[in-house]
């Protein structure tokens, strides 16, 4: 198992500092930073822990960050910690997408689309995606079509899309005439599908081969 960095990333050190050592977790609102450190110190050397708090009341939002000294320690924490923490790699501090995590759990009600952002507050990683004109026209669903000029290996493609929580099935097909790859991916929620498309459309797998990921109509209510 290894973590790949995009070509757009900076130096290896920058990537290691910003993208691979800091994890984002859901925690009980009663947790202090010391509680958070105590729960996650078993996975490696912690540089710092922080809890996201309401700026007005100072109360915990039930979200926090844990920064490790090594990427391998952060990866171990994500893999081995209790699933209730829903641990994921945190977005780098210098990316505007960090607002995904900080603003998501401000309330438990489903938010309606406003302006050019669409918020999903079921899970921390599915928040505030900026939408361009193309995305606005798309019919969002829980099912995705994945196309590649190279054939897929079922187990590898499943493992790739299973990085996003909620994968229900991965059906790999092959065109006998062109030998290109085609697969249908389905998630348990539209939020998971949106996040998978956001992260994996254009992703090079294997290196040099870009994936094309689009929504497939699944008959569900896209307003969700």
Protein backbone atom coordinates (compact mmCIF):
# COMPACT_ATOMS: atom_id res chain seq x y z
CA UNK A 1 0.00 0.00 0.00
CA UNK A 2 1.36 3.42 -0.89
CA UNK A 3 0.10 6.99 -1.20
CA UNK A 4 0.54 8.69 -4.56
CA UNK A 5 0.86 12.43 -4.95
CA UNK A 6 -0.47 14.40 -7.88
CA UNK A 7 1.88 16.09 -10.32
CA UNK A 8 0.42 19.42 -9.28
CA UNK A 9 1.78 18.98 -5.77
CA UNK A 10 4.96 20.77 -4.74
CA UNK A 11 8.12 19.16 -3.46
CA UNK A 12 7.97 15.85 -1.64
CA UNK A 13 8.62 17.61 1.65
CA UNK A 14 5.78 20.04 1.06
CA UNK A 15 3.41 17.18 0.26
CA UNK A 16 4.55 15.23 3.29
CA UNK A 17 4.00 18.22 5.53
CA UNK A 18 0.66 19.34 4.15
CA UNK A 19 -1.14 16.32 2.79
CA UNK A 20 0.08 13.08 4.30
CA UNK A 21 0.61 13.66 8.01
CA UNK A 22 -2.57 15.42 9.18
CA UNK A 23 -5.84 13.54 9.68
CA UNK A 24 -9.37 14.83 10.21
CA UNK A 25 -11.66 13.00 12.65
CA UNK A 26 -15.16 13.08 14.13
CA UNK A 27 -15.08 13.02 17.93
CA UNK A 28 -17.51 13.31 20.84
CA UNK A 29 -18.12 16.95 21.73
CA UNK A 30 -16.95 16.22 25.25
CA UNK A 31 -13.40 15.43 24.06
CA UNK A 32 -10.54 17.73 25.02
CA UNK A 33 -7.31 17.98 23.02
CA UNK A 34 -5.70 15.78 25.65
CA UNK A 35 -8.44 13.13 25.14
CA UNK A 36 -7.83 13.28 21.41
CA UNK A 37 -4.08 12.87 21.86
CA UNK A 38 -4.60 9.94 24.24
CA UNK A 39 -6.82 8.10 21.74
CA UNK A 40 -4.46 8.53 18.77
CA UNK A 41 -0.96 8.43 20.30
CA UNK A 42 -0.83 4.64 19.94
CA UNK A 43 -0.45 5.02 16.15
CA UNK A 44 2.64 7.23 16.16
CA UNK A 45 4.37 10.38 17.29
CA UNK A 46 1.89 13.27 17.39
CA UNK A 47 3.07 16.77 16.56
CA UNK A 48 -0.16 18.44 17.65
CA UNK A 49 -3.90 17.92 18.14
CA UNK A 50 -6.58 20.55 17.67
CA UNK A 51 -10.35 20.65 18.09
CA UNK A 52 -12.63 22.78 15.91
CA UNK A 53 -14.79 25.00 18.10
CA UNK A 54 -17.72 27.30 17.60
CA UNK A 55 -16.25 30.80 17.32
CA UNK A 56 -19.17 32.31 19.23
CA UNK A 57 -19.70 29.88 22.09
CA UNK A 58 -16.30 28.18 22.24
CA UNK A 59 -17.99 24.78 22.28
CA UNK A 60 -16.52 21.85 20.38
CA UNK A 61 -18.12 21.05 17.02
CA UNK A 62 -17.21 17.39 17.43
CA UNK A 63 -14.39 17.62 14.86
CA UNK A 64 -10.64 17.62 15.23
CA UNK A 65 -7.22 17.31 13.61
CA UNK A 66 -4.29 15.09 14.56
CA UNK A 67 -0.90 15.83 13.00
CA UNK A 68 1.71 13.04 12.98
CA UNK A 69 5.44 13.29 12.31
CA UNK A 70 5.35 10.65 9.56
CA UNK A 71 2.88 9.83 6.76
CA UNK A 72 3.04 6.14 7.71
CA UNK A 73 1.75 7.00 11.18
CA UNK A 74 -1.18 8.98 9.79
CA UNK A 75 -2.00 6.12 7.41
CA UNK A 76 -1.90 3.63 10.28
CA UNK A 77 -4.24 5.81 12.36
CA UNK A 78 -6.75 6.02 9.50
CA UNK A 79 -6.60 2.26 8.95
CA UNK A 80 -6.68 1.07 12.55
CA UNK A 81 -8.70 3.60 14.55
CA UNK A 82 -12.34 2.96 15.44
CA UNK A 83 -14.62 3.56 12.43
CA UNK A 84 -16.77 5.92 14.49
CA UNK A 85 -13.99 8.52 14.12
CA UNK A 86 -14.40 8.46 10.30
CA UNK A 87 -10.74 9.38 9.97
CA UNK A 88 -9.51 10.76 6.64
CA UNK A 89 -6.49 12.70 5.43
CA UNK A 90 -7.11 16.40 5.97
CA UNK A 91 -6.92 18.85 3.11
CA UNK A 92 -3.73 20.98 3.12
CA UNK A 93 -4.00 24.25 5.03
CA UNK A 94 -3.18 26.25 1.91
CA UNK A 95 -6.18 24.89 0.01
CA UNK A 96 -9.52 26.66 0.15
CA UNK A 97 -11.13 23.23 0.41
CA UNK A 98 -10.24 23.12 4.09
CA UNK A 99 -13.55 24.90 4.59
CA UNK A 100 -15.09 21.52 3.65
CA UNK A 101 -14.13 20.21 7.04
CA UNK A 102 -14.49 23.27 9.23
CA UNK A 103 -17.98 24.31 8.16
CA UNK A 104 -19.66 20.98 7.57
CA UNK A 105 -21.09 20.15 10.97
CA UNK A 106 -22.28 23.64 11.93
CA UNK A 107 -25.75 22.09 12.09
CA UNK A 108 -27.41 18.74 11.49
CA UNK A 109 -30.01 19.92 8.98
CA UNK A 110 -29.57 19.28 5.30
CA UNK A 111 -28.60 22.45 3.50
CA UNK A 112 -30.04 23.51 0.20
CA UNK A 113 -27.75 24.64 -2.65
CA UNK A 114 -26.96 28.36 -2.54
CA UNK A 115 -25.04 30.37 -5.09
CA UNK A 116 -22.11 28.40 -6.48
CA UNK A 117 -21.59 25.98 -3.60
CA UNK A 118 -23.33 22.78 -2.67
CA UNK A 119 -22.95 21.49 0.88
CA UNK A 120 -23.26 17.89 2.08
CA UNK A 121 -23.30 17.60 5.85
CA UNK A 122 -23.61 13.86 6.32
CA UNK A 123 -19.85 13.31 6.45
CA UNK A 124 -16.94 15.73 6.92
CA UNK A 125 -15.25 15.09 3.61
CA UNK A 126 -18.34 15.89 1.53
CA UNK A 127 -18.73 19.65 2.01
CA UNK A 128 -18.82 22.88 0.01
CA UNK A 129 -17.80 21.69 -3.44
CA UNK A 130 -17.38 24.62 -5.80
CA UNK A 131 -19.42 24.00 -8.92
CA UNK A 132 -18.62 25.23 -12.39
CA UNK A 133 -21.17 25.54 -15.16
CA UNK A 134 -20.58 21.99 -16.38
CA UNK A 135 -21.23 20.46 -12.97
CA UNK A 136 -24.42 22.47 -12.52
CA UNK A 137 -25.84 20.84 -15.64
CA UNK A 138 -24.99 17.30 -14.50
CA UNK A 139 -27.62 14.90 -13.23
CA UNK A 140 -26.19 13.80 -9.89
CA UNK A 141 -26.71 10.20 -8.80
CA UNK A 142 -25.19 7.50 -6.61
CA UNK A 143 -23.84 5.64 -9.66
CA UNK A 144 -20.73 6.46 -11.68
CA UNK A 145 -19.35 5.39 -15.05
CA UNK A 146 -15.57 4.99 -15.24
CA UNK A 147 -13.87 4.82 -18.65
CA UNK A 148 -10.23 4.18 -19.48
CA UNK A 149 -8.27 3.48 -22.65
CA UNK A 150 -6.63 0.59 -20.75
CA UNK A 151 -8.48 -2.41 -19.27
CA UNK A 152 -9.21 -2.48 -15.55
CA UNK A 153 -8.36 -5.11 -12.99
CA UNK A 154 -11.44 -5.66 -10.81
CA UNK A 155 -9.62 -5.87 -7.47
CA UNK A 156 -7.45 -2.81 -8.11
CA UNK A 157 -10.30 -0.58 -9.28
CA UNK A 158 -12.44 -1.69 -6.34
CA UNK A 159 -9.62 -0.82 -3.93
CA UNK A 160 -9.21 2.62 -5.55
CA UNK A 161 -12.88 3.61 -5.30
CA UNK A 162 -13.28 1.95 -1.90
CA UNK A 163 -11.06 4.75 -0.51
CA UNK A 164 -14.29 6.78 -0.51
CA UNK A 165 -16.72 5.51 2.16
CA UNK A 166 -19.96 3.85 1.05
CA UNK A 167 -18.89 1.79 -1.99
CA UNK A 168 -21.62 -0.76 -2.71
CA UNK A 169 -20.33 -2.42 -5.86
CA UNK A 170 -17.79 -2.15 -8.66
CA UNK A 171 -18.66 -3.86 -11.95
CA UNK A 172 -15.75 -4.01 -14.40
CA UNK A 173 -16.36 -4.67 -18.10
CA UNK A 174 -14.07 -4.82 -21.12
CA UNK A 175 -14.71 -3.89 -24.73
CA UNK A 176 -13.46 -6.88 -26.77
CA UNK A 177 -12.92 -4.71 -29.84
CA UNK A 178 -10.92 -1.83 -28.35
CA UNK A 179 -9.59 -3.47 -25.16
CA UNK A 180 -10.53 -0.29 -23.29
CA UNK A 181 -11.71 -0.35 -19.71
CA UNK A 182 -15.25 0.35 -18.53
CA UNK A 183 -16.77 0.05 -15.06
CA UNK A 184 -19.92 0.97 -13.17
CA UNK A 185 -19.45 2.14 -9.59
CA UNK A 186 -22.26 2.57 -7.09
CA UNK A 187 -22.18 4.19 -3.64
CA UNK A 188 -24.70 4.15 -0.82
CA UNK A 189 -25.17 7.94 -1.03
CA UNK A 190 -24.98 10.62 -3.70
CA UNK A 191 -22.53 12.51 -1.47
CA UNK A 192 -20.05 9.63 -1.70
CA UNK A 193 -20.43 9.47 -5.49
CA UNK A 194 -19.91 13.23 -5.81
CA UNK A 195 -16.77 13.07 -3.70
CA UNK A 196 -15.40 10.09 -5.67
CA UNK A 197 -15.99 11.91 -8.96
CA UNK A 198 -14.43 15.09 -7.57
CA UNK A 199 -11.30 13.23 -6.47
CA UNK A 200 -10.88 10.58 -9.20
CA UNK A 201 -12.02 12.19 -12.47
CA UNK A 202 -8.78 12.79 -14.37
CA UNK A 203 -6.79 10.68 -11.90
CA UNK A 204 -3.94 8.81 -13.61
CA UNK A 205 -4.37 5.07 -13.09
CA UNK A 206 -2.07 3.50 -14.01
CA UNK A 207 0.31 6.48 -14.43
CA UNK A 208 -0.16 8.09 -17.84
CA UNK A 209 -3.72 6.80 -18.21
CA UNK A 210 -6.39 9.28 -17.12
CA UNK A 211 -9.72 8.03 -15.81
CA UNK A 212 -12.96 9.59 -17.02
CA UNK A 213 -15.62 9.53 -14.31
CA UNK A 214 -19.20 10.69 -14.97
CA UNK A 215 -22.57 10.23 -13.27
CA UNK A 216 -24.97 7.52 -14.43
CA UNK A 217 -28.70 7.94 -13.97
CA UNK A 218 -29.87 5.62 -11.19
CA UNK A 219 -33.49 6.70 -10.87
CA UNK A 220 -33.00 8.36 -7.48
CA UNK A 221 -34.06 11.85 -6.46
CA UNK A 222 -31.07 14.03 -7.40
CA UNK A 223 -32.25 16.80 -5.06
CA UNK A 224 -30.72 14.79 -2.21
